[in-house]
């Protein structure tokens, strides 16, 4: 009985707060003459804070059009903005800045979501030693970190010198998948001095080469 009363109380509080919030939004719109999207765009400077507020507003909207706006294709952003302006009965000629601001925010929202999906796709893709592109990236990583030491073979204990745990580096790309290799290669090529210094410092410790993975490891390369 107590559990039922607690659940009922929580439901009533939620219902009250939701109705109160909707009522407040209605009153504020009538007083200011602006919808929530307008108030966010006009009262916040361009940047992450404004974009997050726009995203939250769209997601919490009762309109399916606004809810789906955060997941549209980048090519459909402009049309989506036009549809939103029509839905909210906002004339673009009298509010030109709103369309520009919403478009900038929506491009950021959609771009970020697509980036997350792309990164997750890479993380789920296993390393394939039969794939020439994967093997080529692995060789590039070795050359970037050990340019003065040619590999004696594809399977070699030399891999332990740069943080791999065994003779065959493909076994280290488990949790991070191909994303781990991309991260390590990007780091070693675009910030080579730092990568080499990290590797050098780790090799100067009493740790064995196979334990260098604490600083430079394909299985933990998401932090790089």
N, C-alpha and C. Protein backbone atom coordinates (compact mmCIF):
# COMPACT_ATOMS: atom_id res chain seq x y z
N UNK A 1 0.83 -1.22 0.00
CA UNK A 1 0.00 0.00 0.00
C UNK A 1 0.86 1.26 0.00
N UNK A 2 1.93 1.25 0.82
CA UNK A 2 2.81 2.41 0.87
C UNK A 2 3.50 2.64 -0.47
N UNK A 3 3.89 1.51 -1.09
CA UNK A 3 4.54 1.63 -2.40
C UNK A 3 3.59 2.24 -3.43
N UNK A 4 2.32 1.80 -3.39
CA UNK A 4 1.33 2.32 -4.33
C UNK A 4 1.11 3.82 -4.12
N UNK A 5 1.02 4.23 -2.86
CA UNK A 5 0.82 5.65 -2.56
C UNK A 5 2.02 6.49 -2.99
N UNK A 6 3.21 5.92 -2.83
CA UNK A 6 4.41 6.64 -3.23
C UNK A 6 4.44 6.84 -4.75
N UNK A 7 4.12 5.77 -5.47
CA UNK A 7 4.08 5.84 -6.94
C UNK A 7 3.01 6.82 -7.40
N UNK A 8 1.83 6.76 -6.75
CA UNK A 8 0.74 7.66 -7.10
C UNK A 8 1.14 9.12 -6.84
N UNK A 9 1.79 9.35 -5.73
CA UNK A 9 2.24 10.71 -5.39
C UNK A 9 3.23 11.23 -6.41
N UNK A 10 4.18 10.38 -6.81
CA UNK A 10 5.18 10.78 -7.80
C UNK A 10 4.52 11.09 -9.14
N UNK A 11 3.51 10.29 -9.48
CA UNK A 11 2.81 10.53 -10.74
C UNK A 11 2.06 11.85 -10.71
N UNK A 12 1.40 12.12 -9.60
CA UNK A 12 0.65 13.37 -9.48
C UNK A 12 1.57 14.59 -9.48
N UNK A 13 2.72 14.46 -8.84
CA UNK A 13 3.70 15.55 -8.84
C UNK A 13 4.22 15.80 -10.25
N UNK A 14 4.51 14.70 -10.94
CA UNK A 14 4.99 14.82 -12.32
C UNK A 14 3.93 15.49 -13.20
N UNK A 15 2.68 15.03 -13.05
CA UNK A 15 1.59 15.59 -13.84
C UNK A 15 1.39 17.07 -13.54
N UNK A 16 1.47 17.42 -12.27
CA UNK A 16 1.31 18.81 -11.86
C UNK A 16 2.43 19.69 -12.43
N UNK A 17 3.67 19.19 -12.29
CA UNK A 17 4.81 19.96 -12.79
C UNK A 17 4.75 20.14 -14.30
N UNK A 18 4.32 19.07 -14.99
CA UNK A 18 4.25 19.16 -16.45
C UNK A 18 3.19 20.16 -16.87
N UNK A 19 2.04 20.09 -16.25
CA UNK A 19 0.96 21.03 -16.59
C UNK A 19 1.35 22.46 -16.23
N UNK A 20 2.02 22.60 -15.07
CA UNK A 20 2.46 23.91 -14.64
C UNK A 20 3.48 24.49 -15.61
N UNK A 21 4.41 23.64 -16.06
CA UNK A 21 5.45 24.09 -16.99
C UNK A 21 4.83 24.51 -18.32
N UNK A 22 3.89 23.70 -18.81
CA UNK A 22 3.24 24.06 -20.06
C UNK A 22 2.45 25.36 -19.92
N UNK A 23 1.82 25.51 -18.75
CA UNK A 23 1.08 26.74 -18.51
C UNK A 23 1.99 27.95 -18.46
N UNK A 24 3.13 27.81 -17.81
CA UNK A 24 4.09 28.91 -17.73
C UNK A 24 4.62 29.28 -19.12
N UNK A 25 4.90 28.26 -19.94
CA UNK A 25 5.38 28.51 -21.29
C UNK A 25 4.35 29.29 -22.10
N UNK A 26 3.08 28.92 -21.92
CA UNK A 26 2.00 29.59 -22.64
C UNK A 26 1.90 31.06 -22.22
N UNK A 27 1.99 31.29 -20.91
CA UNK A 27 1.91 32.65 -20.39
C UNK A 27 3.08 33.50 -20.87
N UNK A 28 4.29 32.92 -20.79
CA UNK A 28 5.49 33.65 -21.21
C UNK A 28 5.42 33.99 -22.70
N UNK A 29 4.91 33.07 -23.50
CA UNK A 29 4.81 33.35 -24.93
C UNK A 29 3.84 34.48 -25.19
N UNK A 30 2.72 34.48 -24.47
CA UNK A 30 1.74 35.54 -24.65
C UNK A 30 2.30 36.90 -24.21
N UNK A 31 3.08 36.88 -23.14
CA UNK A 31 3.62 38.13 -22.61
C UNK A 31 4.74 38.68 -23.49
N UNK A 32 5.67 37.78 -23.91
CA UNK A 32 6.83 38.21 -24.69
C UNK A 32 6.58 38.22 -26.19
N UNK A 33 5.57 37.46 -26.63
CA UNK A 33 5.32 37.36 -28.06
C UNK A 33 6.33 36.47 -28.77
N UNK A 34 7.07 35.69 -28.00
CA UNK A 34 8.08 34.82 -28.58
C UNK A 34 7.92 33.39 -28.06
N UNK A 35 8.18 32.43 -28.96
CA UNK A 35 8.13 31.03 -28.54
C UNK A 35 9.45 30.69 -27.83
N UNK A 36 9.51 29.48 -27.28
CA UNK A 36 10.70 29.08 -26.51
C UNK A 36 11.96 29.11 -27.36
N UNK A 37 11.87 28.65 -28.61
CA UNK A 37 13.04 28.65 -29.49
C UNK A 37 13.55 30.07 -29.73
N UNK A 38 12.64 31.01 -29.90
CA UNK A 38 13.03 32.40 -30.08
C UNK A 38 13.73 32.95 -28.84
N UNK A 39 13.18 32.64 -27.68
CA UNK A 39 13.76 33.16 -26.44
C UNK A 39 15.17 32.61 -26.22
N UNK A 40 15.35 31.33 -26.55
CA UNK A 40 16.68 30.73 -26.38
C UNK A 40 17.68 31.38 -27.33
N UNK A 41 17.29 31.55 -28.58
CA UNK A 41 18.21 32.11 -29.57
C UNK A 41 18.54 33.57 -29.29
N UNK A 42 17.54 34.33 -28.82
CA UNK A 42 17.75 35.76 -28.60
C UNK A 42 18.41 36.07 -27.25
N UNK A 43 18.27 35.16 -26.28
CA UNK A 43 18.80 35.42 -24.94
C UNK A 43 20.12 34.72 -24.63
N UNK A 44 20.63 33.96 -25.60
CA UNK A 44 21.89 33.25 -25.38
C UNK A 44 22.86 33.49 -26.53
N UNK A 45 24.11 33.66 -26.19
CA UNK A 45 25.13 33.87 -27.21
C UNK A 45 25.38 32.57 -27.97
N UNK A 46 25.84 32.66 -29.23
CA UNK A 46 26.16 31.45 -29.98
C UNK A 46 27.19 30.60 -29.24
N UNK A 47 26.99 29.30 -29.25
CA UNK A 47 27.92 28.42 -28.56
C UNK A 47 27.24 27.17 -28.05
N UNK A 48 27.99 26.37 -27.31
CA UNK A 48 27.50 25.09 -26.82
C UNK A 48 26.28 25.24 -25.92
N UNK A 49 26.27 26.26 -25.06
CA UNK A 49 25.17 26.45 -24.13
C UNK A 49 23.85 26.65 -24.87
N UNK A 50 23.88 27.51 -25.88
CA UNK A 50 22.66 27.76 -26.65
C UNK A 50 22.24 26.51 -27.41
N UNK A 51 23.20 25.83 -28.02
CA UNK A 51 22.89 24.63 -28.79
C UNK A 51 22.26 23.55 -27.92
N UNK A 52 22.79 23.36 -26.70
CA UNK A 52 22.24 22.36 -25.78
C UNK A 52 20.81 22.70 -25.38
N UNK A 53 20.54 23.98 -25.17
CA UNK A 53 19.19 24.40 -24.81
C UNK A 53 18.22 24.17 -25.97
N UNK A 54 18.67 24.46 -27.19
CA UNK A 54 17.83 24.23 -28.37
C UNK A 54 17.54 22.73 -28.51
N UNK A 55 18.56 21.90 -28.31
CA UNK A 55 18.38 20.45 -28.42
C UNK A 55 17.39 19.95 -27.38
N UNK A 56 17.52 20.43 -26.16
CA UNK A 56 16.61 20.02 -25.09
C UNK A 56 15.18 20.44 -25.40
N UNK A 57 15.03 21.66 -25.91
CA UNK A 57 13.70 22.17 -26.24
C UNK A 57 13.05 21.34 -27.34
N UNK A 58 13.83 20.98 -28.35
CA UNK A 58 13.30 20.19 -29.46
C UNK A 58 12.90 18.79 -28.99
N UNK A 59 13.74 18.17 -28.18
CA UNK A 59 13.47 16.82 -27.70
C UNK A 59 12.24 16.77 -26.80
N UNK A 60 12.03 17.83 -26.01
CA UNK A 60 10.92 17.83 -25.05
C UNK A 60 9.61 18.33 -25.66
N UNK A 61 9.66 18.73 -26.91
CA UNK A 61 8.46 19.25 -27.56
C UNK A 61 7.42 18.16 -27.78
N UNK A 62 6.16 18.55 -27.81
CA UNK A 62 5.08 17.61 -28.10
C UNK A 62 4.94 17.39 -29.60
N UNK A 63 5.56 18.25 -30.40
CA UNK A 63 5.47 18.15 -31.85
C UNK A 63 6.44 17.11 -32.40
N UNK A 64 5.96 16.21 -33.24
CA UNK A 64 6.82 15.19 -33.84
C UNK A 64 7.86 15.83 -34.75
N UNK A 65 7.47 16.92 -35.41
CA UNK A 65 8.41 17.62 -36.28
C UNK A 65 9.61 18.12 -35.50
N UNK A 66 9.36 18.74 -34.35
CA UNK A 66 10.45 19.27 -33.54
C UNK A 66 11.28 18.15 -32.92
N UNK A 67 10.63 17.07 -32.48
CA UNK A 67 11.35 15.95 -31.89
C UNK A 67 12.28 15.30 -32.91
N UNK A 68 11.82 15.17 -34.14
CA UNK A 68 12.62 14.51 -35.18
C UNK A 68 13.68 15.42 -35.78
N UNK A 69 13.62 16.71 -35.46
CA UNK A 69 14.56 17.67 -36.06
C UNK A 69 16.00 17.37 -35.66
N UNK A 70 16.21 16.81 -34.46
CA UNK A 70 17.57 16.56 -33.98
C UNK A 70 18.23 15.38 -34.68
N UNK A 71 17.50 14.63 -35.48
CA UNK A 71 18.08 13.46 -36.15
C UNK A 71 17.91 13.47 -37.66
N UNK A 72 17.63 14.66 -38.24
CA UNK A 72 17.46 14.74 -39.68
C UNK A 72 18.82 14.63 -40.37
N UNK A 73 18.80 14.36 -41.66
CA UNK A 73 20.03 14.33 -42.45
C UNK A 73 20.52 15.76 -42.63
N UNK A 74 21.83 15.98 -42.65
CA UNK A 74 22.36 17.35 -42.81
C UNK A 74 21.79 18.08 -44.03
N UNK A 75 21.51 17.33 -45.10
CA UNK A 75 20.97 17.96 -46.30
C UNK A 75 19.54 18.46 -46.10
N UNK A 76 18.86 17.96 -45.05
CA UNK A 76 17.47 18.33 -44.81
C UNK A 76 17.33 19.40 -43.72
N UNK A 77 18.44 19.92 -43.24
CA UNK A 77 18.39 20.90 -42.14
C UNK A 77 17.65 22.17 -42.56
N UNK A 78 17.97 22.72 -43.72
CA UNK A 78 17.36 23.97 -44.16
C UNK A 78 15.84 23.82 -44.30
N UNK A 79 15.40 22.71 -44.90
CA UNK A 79 13.96 22.49 -45.05
C UNK A 79 13.31 22.32 -43.68
N UNK A 80 13.99 21.63 -42.77
CA UNK A 80 13.46 21.44 -41.43
C UNK A 80 13.26 22.77 -40.72
N UNK A 81 14.22 23.68 -40.89
CA UNK A 81 14.10 25.01 -40.29
C UNK A 81 12.90 25.75 -40.86
N UNK A 82 12.70 25.64 -42.17
CA UNK A 82 11.53 26.28 -42.80
C UNK A 82 10.23 25.71 -42.23
N UNK A 83 10.20 24.38 -42.05
CA UNK A 83 8.99 23.74 -41.51
C UNK A 83 8.73 24.19 -40.07
N UNK A 84 9.81 24.36 -39.30
CA UNK A 84 9.66 24.81 -37.92
C UNK A 84 9.12 26.23 -37.87
N UNK A 85 9.61 27.07 -38.75
CA UNK A 85 9.16 28.46 -38.81
C UNK A 85 7.66 28.51 -39.15
N UNK A 86 7.23 27.65 -40.06
CA UNK A 86 5.81 27.60 -40.43
C UNK A 86 4.99 27.08 -39.26
N UNK A 87 5.47 26.02 -38.60
CA UNK A 87 4.75 25.44 -37.46
C UNK A 87 4.58 26.45 -36.34
N UNK A 88 5.63 27.22 -36.07
CA UNK A 88 5.60 28.21 -34.99
C UNK A 88 5.01 29.55 -35.43
N UNK A 89 4.59 29.61 -36.69
CA UNK A 89 3.97 30.82 -37.25
C UNK A 89 4.91 32.04 -37.10
N UNK A 90 6.16 31.82 -37.46
CA UNK A 90 7.17 32.87 -37.40
C UNK A 90 7.54 33.26 -38.82
N UNK A 91 7.36 34.52 -39.17
CA UNK A 91 7.66 34.97 -40.52
C UNK A 91 9.17 35.20 -40.64
N UNK A 92 9.82 34.55 -41.62
CA UNK A 92 11.28 34.69 -41.75
C UNK A 92 11.75 36.11 -42.06
N UNK A 93 10.91 36.90 -42.72
CA UNK A 93 11.31 38.27 -43.05
C UNK A 93 11.38 39.17 -41.82
N UNK A 94 10.53 38.91 -40.86
CA UNK A 94 10.52 39.73 -39.64
C UNK A 94 11.43 39.16 -38.55
N UNK A 95 11.85 37.91 -38.76
CA UNK A 95 12.76 37.26 -37.79
C UNK A 95 13.90 36.56 -38.55
N UNK A 96 14.67 37.29 -39.33
CA UNK A 96 15.72 36.66 -40.15
C UNK A 96 16.82 35.98 -39.31
N UNK A 97 17.13 36.55 -38.17
CA UNK A 97 18.21 36.01 -37.35
C UNK A 97 17.85 34.67 -36.74
N UNK A 98 16.56 34.45 -36.48
CA UNK A 98 16.14 33.19 -35.86
C UNK A 98 16.48 32.01 -36.74
N UNK A 99 16.16 32.11 -38.03
CA UNK A 99 16.45 31.02 -38.96
C UNK A 99 17.94 30.71 -39.02
N UNK A 100 18.77 31.76 -39.02
CA UNK A 100 20.22 31.58 -39.07
C UNK A 100 20.72 30.89 -37.80
N UNK A 101 20.21 31.34 -36.65
CA UNK A 101 20.63 30.77 -35.37
C UNK A 101 20.20 29.32 -35.23
N UNK A 102 18.95 29.03 -35.59
CA UNK A 102 18.45 27.66 -35.51
C UNK A 102 19.23 26.73 -36.44
N UNK A 103 19.55 27.23 -37.61
CA UNK A 103 20.29 26.42 -38.58
C UNK A 103 21.68 26.08 -38.04
N UNK A 104 22.35 27.06 -37.44
CA UNK A 104 23.67 26.82 -36.87
C UNK A 104 23.60 25.78 -35.76
N UNK A 105 22.60 25.91 -34.89
CA UNK A 105 22.44 24.96 -33.78
C UNK A 105 22.13 23.56 -34.28
N UNK A 106 21.24 23.48 -35.26
CA UNK A 106 20.83 22.18 -35.77
C UNK A 106 21.96 21.47 -36.49
N UNK A 107 22.78 22.22 -37.21
CA UNK A 107 23.94 21.62 -37.87
C UNK A 107 24.90 21.04 -36.84
N UNK A 108 25.06 21.75 -35.71
CA UNK A 108 25.92 21.24 -34.64
C UNK A 108 25.35 19.98 -34.01
N UNK A 109 24.05 20.00 -33.76
CA UNK A 109 23.39 18.84 -33.13
C UNK A 109 23.47 17.62 -34.04
N UNK A 110 23.09 17.80 -35.30
CA UNK A 110 23.11 16.70 -36.27
C UNK A 110 24.53 16.22 -36.52
N UNK A 111 25.46 17.17 -36.64
CA UNK A 111 26.85 16.79 -36.89
C UNK A 111 27.44 15.98 -35.76
N UNK A 112 27.12 16.37 -34.53
CA UNK A 112 27.63 15.64 -33.36
C UNK A 112 27.05 14.23 -33.31
N UNK A 113 25.76 14.11 -33.54
CA UNK A 113 25.12 12.79 -33.50
C UNK A 113 25.70 11.88 -34.56
N UNK A 114 25.94 12.41 -35.77
CA UNK A 114 26.52 11.62 -36.84
C UNK A 114 27.96 11.21 -36.51
N UNK A 115 28.69 12.12 -35.87
CA UNK A 115 30.07 11.81 -35.47
C UNK A 115 30.09 10.67 -34.47
N UNK A 116 29.19 10.71 -33.49
CA UNK A 116 29.12 9.65 -32.48
C UNK A 116 28.83 8.30 -33.15
N UNK A 117 27.92 8.30 -34.13
CA UNK A 117 27.58 7.06 -34.83
C UNK A 117 28.77 6.54 -35.63
N UNK A 118 29.49 7.46 -36.26
CA UNK A 118 30.65 7.06 -37.06
C UNK A 118 31.76 6.48 -36.18
N UNK A 119 31.99 7.13 -35.04
CA UNK A 119 33.02 6.65 -34.12
C UNK A 119 32.64 5.28 -33.56
N UNK A 120 31.37 5.11 -33.20
CA UNK A 120 30.91 3.82 -32.67
C UNK A 120 31.03 2.72 -33.73
N UNK A 121 30.78 3.09 -34.98
CA UNK A 121 30.91 2.11 -36.07
C UNK A 121 32.36 1.64 -36.18
N UNK A 122 33.31 2.57 -36.06
CA UNK A 122 34.73 2.22 -36.11
C UNK A 122 35.10 1.34 -34.92
N UNK A 123 34.54 1.67 -33.75
CA UNK A 123 34.87 0.90 -32.55
C UNK A 123 34.40 -0.55 -32.67
N UNK A 124 33.29 -0.75 -33.35
CA UNK A 124 32.73 -2.09 -33.49
C UNK A 124 33.38 -2.89 -34.62
N UNK A 125 34.14 -2.20 -35.47
CA UNK A 125 34.77 -2.89 -36.60
C UNK A 125 36.05 -3.57 -36.12
N UNK A 126 36.13 -4.89 -36.22
CA UNK A 126 37.33 -5.60 -35.74
C UNK A 126 38.51 -5.42 -36.70
N UNK A 127 39.71 -5.53 -36.15
CA UNK A 127 40.89 -5.46 -37.01
C UNK A 127 40.96 -6.74 -37.84
N UNK A 128 41.19 -6.58 -39.15
CA UNK A 128 41.24 -7.72 -40.06
C UNK A 128 42.61 -7.76 -40.73
N UNK A 129 43.39 -8.78 -40.38
CA UNK A 129 44.73 -8.87 -40.94
C UNK A 129 44.72 -9.21 -42.43
N UNK A 130 43.55 -9.60 -42.95
CA UNK A 130 43.42 -9.88 -44.37
C UNK A 130 43.05 -8.63 -45.16
N UNK A 131 42.76 -7.54 -44.44
CA UNK A 131 42.40 -6.28 -45.10
C UNK A 131 43.67 -5.46 -45.34
N UNK A 132 44.02 -5.18 -46.59
CA UNK A 132 45.26 -4.44 -46.90
C UNK A 132 45.29 -3.05 -46.26
N UNK A 133 44.14 -2.39 -46.16
CA UNK A 133 44.09 -1.06 -45.56
C UNK A 133 44.43 -1.11 -44.08
N UNK A 134 43.91 -2.11 -43.39
CA UNK A 134 44.19 -2.27 -41.97
C UNK A 134 45.68 -2.55 -41.75
N UNK A 135 46.22 -3.44 -42.56
CA UNK A 135 47.63 -3.78 -42.44
C UNK A 135 48.53 -2.59 -42.76
N UNK A 136 48.12 -1.81 -43.75
CA UNK A 136 48.91 -0.63 -44.12
C UNK A 136 48.94 0.39 -42.99
N UNK A 137 47.80 0.59 -42.32
CA UNK A 137 47.75 1.51 -41.18
C UNK A 137 48.66 1.03 -40.06
N UNK A 138 48.68 -0.28 -39.83
CA UNK A 138 49.52 -0.84 -38.78
C UNK A 138 51.00 -0.61 -39.09
N UNK A 139 51.37 -0.79 -40.35
CA UNK A 139 52.76 -0.57 -40.75
C UNK A 139 53.13 0.92 -40.62
N UNK A 140 52.18 1.79 -40.94
CA UNK A 140 52.42 3.23 -40.80
C UNK A 140 52.67 3.60 -39.34
N UNK A 141 51.95 2.93 -38.45
CA UNK A 141 52.13 3.19 -37.02
C UNK A 141 53.54 2.81 -36.59
N UNK A 142 54.00 1.67 -37.05
CA UNK A 142 55.35 1.24 -36.69
C UNK A 142 56.40 2.23 -37.22
N UNK A 143 56.25 2.63 -38.47
CA UNK A 143 57.22 3.54 -39.08
C UNK A 143 57.23 4.90 -38.38
N UNK A 144 56.05 5.32 -37.88
CA UNK A 144 55.98 6.62 -37.20
C UNK A 144 56.68 6.58 -35.85
N UNK A 145 56.63 5.42 -35.17
CA UNK A 145 57.20 5.32 -33.83
C UNK A 145 58.59 4.69 -33.80
N UNK A 146 58.90 3.90 -34.80
CA UNK A 146 60.20 3.25 -34.86
C UNK A 146 60.79 3.38 -36.27
N UNK A 147 60.99 4.62 -36.75
CA UNK A 147 61.46 4.81 -38.13
C UNK A 147 62.86 4.25 -38.35
N UNK A 148 63.66 4.16 -37.28
CA UNK A 148 65.04 3.70 -37.43
C UNK A 148 65.18 2.18 -37.27
N UNK A 149 64.07 1.49 -36.97
CA UNK A 149 64.13 0.04 -36.72
C UNK A 149 63.16 -0.71 -37.63
N UNK A 150 63.62 -1.25 -38.75
CA UNK A 150 62.75 -2.01 -39.65
C UNK A 150 62.22 -3.27 -38.95
N UNK A 151 61.00 -3.63 -39.27
CA UNK A 151 60.41 -4.84 -38.70
C UNK A 151 61.08 -6.07 -39.29
N UNK A 152 61.33 -7.04 -38.45
CA UNK A 152 61.91 -8.29 -38.94
C UNK A 152 60.84 -9.18 -39.56
N UNK A 153 59.58 -8.89 -39.23
CA UNK A 153 58.49 -9.68 -39.79
C UNK A 153 57.15 -9.17 -39.31
N UNK A 154 56.08 -9.59 -39.98
CA UNK A 154 54.73 -9.15 -39.60
C UNK A 154 54.41 -9.57 -38.17
N UNK A 155 54.81 -10.77 -37.80
CA UNK A 155 54.66 -11.24 -36.43
C UNK A 155 56.04 -11.22 -35.79
N UNK A 156 56.18 -10.35 -34.79
CA UNK A 156 57.50 -10.15 -34.18
C UNK A 156 57.36 -9.60 -32.76
N UNK A 157 58.32 -9.96 -31.93
CA UNK A 157 58.34 -9.44 -30.56
C UNK A 157 58.62 -7.94 -30.53
N UNK A 158 59.04 -7.39 -31.68
CA UNK A 158 59.32 -5.96 -31.76
C UNK A 158 58.08 -5.11 -31.44
N UNK A 159 56.91 -5.66 -31.69
CA UNK A 159 55.68 -4.90 -31.44
C UNK A 159 55.55 -4.52 -29.96
N UNK A 160 56.15 -5.33 -29.09
CA UNK A 160 56.09 -5.04 -27.66
C UNK A 160 56.81 -3.73 -27.32
N UNK A 161 57.71 -3.31 -28.20
CA UNK A 161 58.46 -2.08 -27.96
C UNK A 161 57.57 -0.84 -28.00
N UNK A 162 56.44 -0.94 -28.67
CA UNK A 162 55.55 0.22 -28.75
C UNK A 162 54.22 -0.02 -28.04
N UNK A 163 54.22 -1.00 -27.12
CA UNK A 163 53.05 -1.16 -26.27
C UNK A 163 52.14 -2.32 -26.54
N UNK A 164 52.38 -3.09 -27.63
CA UNK A 164 51.53 -4.25 -27.88
C UNK A 164 51.90 -5.37 -26.91
N UNK A 165 50.95 -6.24 -26.64
CA UNK A 165 51.15 -7.24 -25.60
C UNK A 165 51.79 -8.53 -26.09
N UNK A 166 51.79 -8.72 -27.41
CA UNK A 166 52.35 -9.94 -27.94
C UNK A 166 52.99 -9.74 -29.29
N UNK A 167 53.32 -10.85 -29.93
CA UNK A 167 54.01 -10.80 -31.22
C UNK A 167 53.09 -10.40 -32.36
N UNK A 168 51.81 -10.69 -32.23
CA UNK A 168 50.85 -10.34 -33.29
C UNK A 168 49.95 -9.21 -32.79
N UNK A 169 50.13 -7.99 -33.29
CA UNK A 169 49.37 -6.83 -32.80
C UNK A 169 47.87 -6.90 -33.02
N UNK A 170 47.42 -7.73 -33.95
CA UNK A 170 45.98 -7.78 -34.23
C UNK A 170 45.17 -8.22 -33.02
N UNK A 171 45.80 -8.98 -32.10
CA UNK A 171 45.07 -9.48 -30.94
C UNK A 171 44.77 -8.39 -29.92
N UNK A 172 45.41 -7.22 -30.06
CA UNK A 172 45.21 -6.15 -29.08
C UNK A 172 44.02 -5.24 -29.42
N UNK A 173 43.49 -5.36 -30.62
CA UNK A 173 42.38 -4.49 -31.02
C UNK A 173 41.06 -5.19 -30.73
N UNK A 174 40.73 -5.31 -29.45
CA UNK A 174 39.50 -6.00 -29.07
C UNK A 174 38.40 -4.99 -28.69
N UNK A 175 38.52 -4.40 -27.50
CA UNK A 175 37.47 -3.48 -27.05
C UNK A 175 37.32 -2.25 -27.92
N UNK A 176 38.46 -1.72 -28.43
CA UNK A 176 38.41 -0.48 -29.22
C UNK A 176 38.28 -0.72 -30.71
N UNK A 177 38.49 -1.94 -31.17
CA UNK A 177 38.38 -2.23 -32.59
C UNK A 177 39.29 -1.35 -33.43
N UNK A 178 38.84 -1.03 -34.63
CA UNK A 178 39.65 -0.24 -35.55
C UNK A 178 39.83 1.20 -35.06
N UNK A 179 38.95 1.65 -34.17
CA UNK A 179 39.08 3.00 -33.62
C UNK A 179 40.40 3.15 -32.87
N UNK A 180 40.83 2.10 -32.17
CA UNK A 180 42.08 2.16 -31.45
C UNK A 180 43.26 2.41 -32.38
N UNK A 181 43.27 1.74 -33.53
CA UNK A 181 44.35 1.93 -34.49
C UNK A 181 44.31 3.33 -35.09
N UNK A 182 43.12 3.80 -35.41
CA UNK A 182 42.97 5.16 -35.95
C UNK A 182 43.50 6.19 -34.95
N UNK A 183 43.15 6.02 -33.68
CA UNK A 183 43.59 6.97 -32.65
C UNK A 183 45.11 6.99 -32.50
N UNK A 184 45.70 5.80 -32.44
CA UNK A 184 47.15 5.71 -32.28
C UNK A 184 47.89 6.29 -33.48
N UNK A 185 47.40 5.98 -34.66
CA UNK A 185 48.06 6.48 -35.87
C UNK A 185 47.93 7.99 -35.98
N UNK A 186 46.76 8.51 -35.67
CA UNK A 186 46.56 9.96 -35.73
C UNK A 186 47.48 10.66 -34.72
N UNK A 187 47.53 10.12 -33.52
CA UNK A 187 48.36 10.71 -32.47
C UNK A 187 49.84 10.71 -32.87
N UNK A 188 50.31 9.57 -33.38
CA UNK A 188 51.73 9.45 -33.71
C UNK A 188 52.13 10.27 -34.92
N UNK A 189 51.18 10.58 -35.80
CA UNK A 189 51.49 11.36 -36.99
C UNK A 189 51.29 12.85 -36.80
N UNK A 190 50.25 13.24 -36.03
CA UNK A 190 49.92 14.66 -35.89
C UNK A 190 50.55 15.30 -34.65
N UNK A 191 51.00 14.49 -33.71
CA UNK A 191 51.70 15.01 -32.53
C UNK A 191 52.86 14.07 -32.25
N UNK A 192 53.71 13.93 -33.25
CA UNK A 192 54.76 12.91 -33.21
C UNK A 192 55.72 13.13 -32.06
N UNK A 193 56.09 14.38 -31.80
CA UNK A 193 57.06 14.65 -30.74
C UNK A 193 56.54 14.17 -29.38
N UNK A 194 55.26 14.45 -29.10
CA UNK A 194 54.67 14.02 -27.83
C UNK A 194 54.56 12.51 -27.76
N UNK A 195 54.15 11.89 -28.87
CA UNK A 195 54.01 10.43 -28.90
C UNK A 195 55.35 9.75 -28.65
N UNK A 196 56.39 10.24 -29.31
CA UNK A 196 57.71 9.65 -29.13
C UNK A 196 58.25 9.88 -27.72
N UNK A 197 57.94 11.05 -27.16
CA UNK A 197 58.40 11.34 -25.80
C UNK A 197 57.71 10.44 -24.78
N UNK A 198 56.39 10.23 -24.96
CA UNK A 198 55.66 9.33 -24.08
C UNK A 198 56.22 7.92 -24.15
N UNK A 199 56.51 7.47 -25.37
CA UNK A 199 57.04 6.13 -25.56
C UNK A 199 58.44 6.03 -24.95
N UNK A 200 59.24 7.05 -25.15
CA UNK A 200 60.60 7.06 -24.60
C UNK A 200 60.57 7.03 -23.07
N UNK A 201 59.71 7.88 -22.48
CA UNK A 201 59.63 7.95 -21.03
C UNK A 201 59.18 6.62 -20.43
N UNK A 202 58.21 5.98 -21.10
CA UNK A 202 57.70 4.71 -20.57
C UNK A 202 58.76 3.61 -20.65
N UNK A 203 59.60 3.66 -21.67
CA UNK A 203 60.64 2.66 -21.81
C UNK A 203 61.80 2.86 -20.84
N UNK A 204 61.88 4.04 -20.27
CA UNK A 204 62.95 4.33 -19.31
C UNK A 204 62.63 3.82 -17.91
N UNK A 205 61.37 3.42 -17.71
CA UNK A 205 60.99 2.88 -16.40
C UNK A 205 61.44 1.43 -16.27
N UNK A 206 61.14 0.85 -15.13
CA UNK A 206 61.53 -0.53 -14.90
C UNK A 206 60.54 -1.52 -15.52
N UNK A 207 59.49 -0.96 -16.16
CA UNK A 207 58.49 -1.84 -16.76
C UNK A 207 59.05 -2.53 -17.98
N UNK A 208 58.58 -3.69 -18.27
CA UNK A 208 58.95 -4.38 -19.49
C UNK A 208 58.22 -3.75 -20.65
N UNK A 209 58.68 -3.96 -21.83
CA UNK A 209 58.07 -3.36 -23.01
C UNK A 209 56.61 -3.72 -23.17
N UNK A 210 56.24 -4.94 -22.79
CA UNK A 210 54.85 -5.37 -22.95
C UNK A 210 53.92 -4.65 -21.99
N UNK A 211 54.48 -3.96 -20.97
CA UNK A 211 53.65 -3.26 -20.00
C UNK A 211 53.54 -1.77 -20.31
N UNK A 212 54.09 -1.36 -21.43
CA UNK A 212 54.03 0.04 -21.84
C UNK A 212 52.59 0.45 -22.15
N UNK A 213 51.70 -0.51 -22.29
CA UNK A 213 50.32 -0.23 -22.65
C UNK A 213 49.63 0.72 -21.68
N UNK A 214 50.16 0.91 -20.49
CA UNK A 214 49.55 1.86 -19.55
C UNK A 214 49.62 3.28 -20.09
N UNK A 215 50.62 3.56 -20.94
CA UNK A 215 50.76 4.88 -21.51
C UNK A 215 50.41 4.90 -22.99
N UNK A 216 50.74 3.82 -23.70
CA UNK A 216 50.59 3.83 -25.14
C UNK A 216 50.11 2.46 -25.59
N UNK A 217 48.82 2.27 -25.61
CA UNK A 217 48.28 0.94 -25.89
C UNK A 217 47.08 1.02 -26.80
N UNK A 218 47.00 0.15 -27.82
CA UNK A 218 45.84 0.13 -28.72
C UNK A 218 44.56 -0.25 -28.02
N UNK A 219 44.66 -0.98 -26.91
CA UNK A 219 43.44 -1.40 -26.21
C UNK A 219 42.89 -0.26 -25.35
N UNK A 220 43.69 0.82 -25.12
CA UNK A 220 43.24 1.94 -24.30
C UNK A 220 43.41 3.25 -25.04
N UNK A 221 43.53 3.19 -26.35
CA UNK A 221 43.89 4.37 -27.13
C UNK A 221 42.76 5.38 -27.27
N UNK A 222 41.60 5.10 -26.71
CA UNK A 222 40.51 6.07 -26.78
C UNK A 222 40.83 7.34 -26.02
N UNK A 223 41.79 7.27 -25.09
CA UNK A 223 42.12 8.45 -24.28
C UNK A 223 43.08 9.37 -25.01
N UNK A 224 43.66 8.92 -26.12
CA UNK A 224 44.68 9.73 -26.78
C UNK A 224 44.04 10.79 -27.66
